Amino acid sequence: MKFRPFALSCECGVTPTRIKQVGLSANRQLVIHWWCLRCRKSIYVVRDLRQCWEESAGAEDLDGDAGISTEASVPGGDAQFLQSMGIRFPADLES
């Protein structure tokens, strides 16, 4: 799978070690939330989905990520991938 990654960092320059939440707003925006270890602040990055799509429209032409395999073909692959990224579902938190 080819993709164009987002550059994420706090105002202080620290990149997140873990993403706390990823979601969509009612205004069709991608919201990424994490906790900055240096500033001790909750950070939210909001990106318009249309802008994200336009910026990555040439993702098929990218060379750098050609070797990335997709986990979607493996049963439970999506959930395993998200868990490896530190993303937890509400059902996971109850156990």
C-alpha atoms as a PDB file:
ATOM      1  CA  MET A   1       0.000   0.000   0.000  1.00  0.00           C
ATOM      2  CA  LYS A   2       1.367   3.395  -0.934  1.00  0.00           C
ATOM      3  CA  PHE A   3       0.623   6.440   1.167  1.00  0.00           C
ATOM      4  CA  ARG A   4       1.867   9.893   2.012  1.00  0.00           C
ATOM      5  CA  PRO A   5       2.460  10.284   5.761  1.00  0.00           C
ATOM      6  CA  PHE A   6       1.512  13.384   7.734  1.00  0.00           C
ATOM      7  CA  ALA A   7       4.285  15.214   9.560  1.00  0.00           C
ATOM      8  CA  LEU A   8       3.033  15.432  13.145  1.00  0.00           C
ATOM      9  CA  SER A   9       4.691  17.479  15.856  1.00  0.00           C
ATOM     10  CA  CYS A  10       3.838  19.661  18.831  1.00  0.00           C
ATOM     11  CA  GLU A  11       4.524  23.410  18.869  1.00  0.00           C
ATOM     12  CA  CYS A  12       7.695  22.579  20.835  1.00  0.00           C
ATOM     13  CA  GLY A  13       8.883  20.305  18.001  1.00  0.00           C
ATOM     14  CA  VAL A  14       8.409  16.930  19.703  1.00  0.00           C
ATOM     15  CA  THR A  15       6.824  14.220  17.562  1.00  0.00           C
ATOM     16  CA  PRO A  16       4.225  11.954  19.177  1.00  0.00           C
ATOM     17  CA  THR A  17       5.374   8.577  20.470  1.00  0.00           C
ATOM     18  CA  ARG A  18       1.772   7.370  20.646  1.00  0.00           C
ATOM     19  CA  ILE A  19      -1.422   8.547  19.016  1.00  0.00           C
ATOM     20  CA  LYS A  20      -4.185   8.678  21.611  1.00  0.00           C
ATOM     21  CA  GLN A  21      -7.177   9.046  19.269  1.00  0.00           C
ATOM     22  CA  VAL A  22      -7.993   9.375  15.577  1.00  0.00           C
ATOM     23  CA  GLY A  23     -11.433  10.446  14.460  1.00  0.00           C
ATOM     24  CA  LEU A  24     -13.618  12.431  12.115  1.00  0.00           C
ATOM     25  CA  SER A  25     -15.396  15.657  12.969  1.00  0.00           C
ATOM     26  CA  ALA A  26     -18.932  16.576  11.925  1.00  0.00           C
ATOM     27  CA  ASN A  27     -17.331  18.987   9.429  1.00  0.00           C
ATOM     28  CA  ARG A  28     -15.539  16.150   7.584  1.00  0.00           C
ATOM     29  CA  GLN A  29     -12.167  16.769   9.145  1.00  0.00           C
ATOM     30  CA  LEU A  30      -9.588  14.248  10.279  1.00  0.00           C
ATOM     31  CA  VAL A  31      -8.707  14.752  13.956  1.00  0.00           C
ATOM     32  CA  ILE A  32      -5.521  13.289  15.472  1.00  0.00           C
ATOM     33  CA  HIS A  33      -5.017  13.551  19.231  1.00  0.00           C
ATOM     34  CA  TRP A  34      -1.938  12.841  21.348  1.00  0.00           C
ATOM     35  CA  TRP A  35      -0.236  13.908  24.567  1.00  0.00           C
ATOM     36  CA  CYS A  36       3.059  15.854  24.296  1.00  0.00           C
ATOM     37  CA  LEU A  37       5.575  14.423  26.741  1.00  0.00           C
ATOM     38  CA  ARG A  38       7.696  17.595  26.821  1.00  0.00           C
ATOM     39  CA  CYS A  39       4.940  20.243  27.153  1.00  0.00           C
ATOM     40  CA  ARG A  40       2.530  17.997  29.038  1.00  0.00           C
ATOM     41  CA  LYS A  41      -0.260  19.289  26.803  1.00  0.00           C
ATOM     42  CA  SER A  42      -3.029  17.556  24.941  1.00  0.00           C
ATOM     43  CA  ILE A  43      -2.434  18.169  21.205  1.00  0.00           C
ATOM     44  CA  TYR A  44      -5.100  18.014  18.489  1.00  0.00           C
ATOM     45  CA  VAL A  45      -4.296  18.199  14.782  1.00  0.00           C
ATOM     46  CA  VAL A  46      -7.272  18.871  12.517  1.00  0.00           C
ATOM     47  CA  ARG A  47      -6.984  18.374   8.751  1.00  0.00           C
ATOM     48  CA  ASP A  48      -9.691  18.835   6.150  1.00  0.00           C
ATOM     49  CA  LEU A  49     -10.307  15.482   4.416  1.00  0.00           C
ATOM     50  CA  ARG A  50     -10.589  17.161   1.025  1.00  0.00           C
ATOM     51  CA  GLN A  51      -7.190  18.785   1.555  1.00  0.00           C
ATOM     52  CA  CYS A  52      -5.717  15.440   2.658  1.00  0.00           C
ATOM     53  CA  TRP A  53      -7.108  13.775  -0.450  1.00  0.00           C
ATOM     54  CA  GLU A  54      -5.792  16.494  -2.766  1.00  0.00           C
ATOM     55  CA  GLU A  55      -2.335  16.425  -1.166  1.00  0.00           C
ATOM     56  CA  SER A  56      -2.067  12.657  -1.549  1.00  0.00           C
ATOM     57  CA  ALA A  57      -3.688  12.407  -4.992  1.00  0.00           C
ATOM     58  CA  GLY A  58      -0.333  11.375  -6.450  1.00  0.00           C
ATOM     59  CA  ALA A  59       0.230   8.660  -3.824  1.00  0.00           C
ATOM     60  CA  GLU A  60       0.231   5.963  -6.519  1.00  0.00           C
ATOM     61  CA  ASP A  61       3.357   7.578  -7.973  1.00  0.00           C
ATOM     62  CA  LEU A  62       5.314   7.563  -4.708  1.00  0.00           C
ATOM     63  CA  ASP A  63       8.436   5.407  -4.673  1.00  0.00           C
ATOM     64  CA  GLY A  64       9.324   5.431  -0.987  1.00  0.00           C
ATOM     65  CA  ASP A  65       6.452   3.309   0.324  1.00  0.00           C
ATOM     66  CA  ALA A  66       6.132   0.712  -2.442  1.00  0.00           C
ATOM     67  CA  GLY A  67       7.293  -2.160  -0.196  1.00  0.00           C
ATOM     68  CA  ILE A  68       4.666  -1.705   2.509  1.00  0.00           C
ATOM     69  CA  SER A  69       2.405  -4.725   2.760  1.00  0.00           C
ATOM     70  CA  THR A  70      -1.255  -4.494   3.635  1.00  0.00           C
ATOM     71  CA  GLU A  71      -2.566  -6.276   6.704  1.00  0.00           C
ATOM     72  CA  ALA A  72      -6.181  -6.057   5.535  1.00  0.00           C
ATOM     73  CA  SER A  73      -6.104  -9.416   3.755  1.00  0.00           C
ATOM     74  CA  VAL A  74      -5.325 -11.236   7.013  1.00  0.00           C
ATOM     75  CA  PRO A  75      -8.354 -11.913   9.265  1.00  0.00           C
ATOM     76  CA  GLY A  76      -8.182  -9.390  12.087  1.00  0.00           C
ATOM     77  CA  GLY A  77      -5.290  -7.653  10.313  1.00  0.00           C
ATOM     78  CA  ASP A  78      -6.812  -4.195  10.626  1.00  0.00           C
ATOM     79  CA  ALA A  79      -7.341  -4.560  14.365  1.00  0.00           C
ATOM     80  CA  GLN A  80      -3.815  -5.926  14.848  1.00  0.00           C
ATOM     81  CA  PHE A  81      -2.348  -3.059  12.844  1.00  0.00           C
ATOM     82  CA  LEU A  82      -4.271  -0.443  14.844  1.00  0.00           C
ATOM     83  CA  GLN A  83      -3.238  -2.081  18.124  1.00  0.00           C
ATOM     84  CA  SER A  84       0.407  -2.031  17.017  1.00  0.00           C
ATOM     85  CA  MET A  85       0.016   1.729  16.487  1.00  0.00           C
ATOM     86  CA  GLY A  86      -1.209   2.119  20.082  1.00  0.00           C
ATOM     87  CA  ILE A  87      -4.846   2.627  19.095  1.00  0.00           C
ATOM     88  CA  ARG A  88      -7.348   1.001  21.458  1.00  0.00           C
ATOM     89  CA  PHE A  89     -11.058   0.478  20.973  1.00  0.00           C
ATOM     90  CA  PRO A  90     -13.570   1.074  23.797  1.00  0.00           C
ATOM     91  CA  ALA A  91     -14.190  -2.691  23.998  1.00  0.00           C
ATOM     92  CA  ASP A  92     -10.433  -3.241  24.611  1.00  0.00           C
ATOM     93  CA  LEU A  93     -10.496  -0.807  27.524  1.00  0.00           C
ATOM     94  CA  GLU A  94     -13.310  -2.678  29.311  1.00  0.00           C
ATOM     95  CA  SER A  95     -11.306  -5.911  29.628  1.00  0.00           C
END
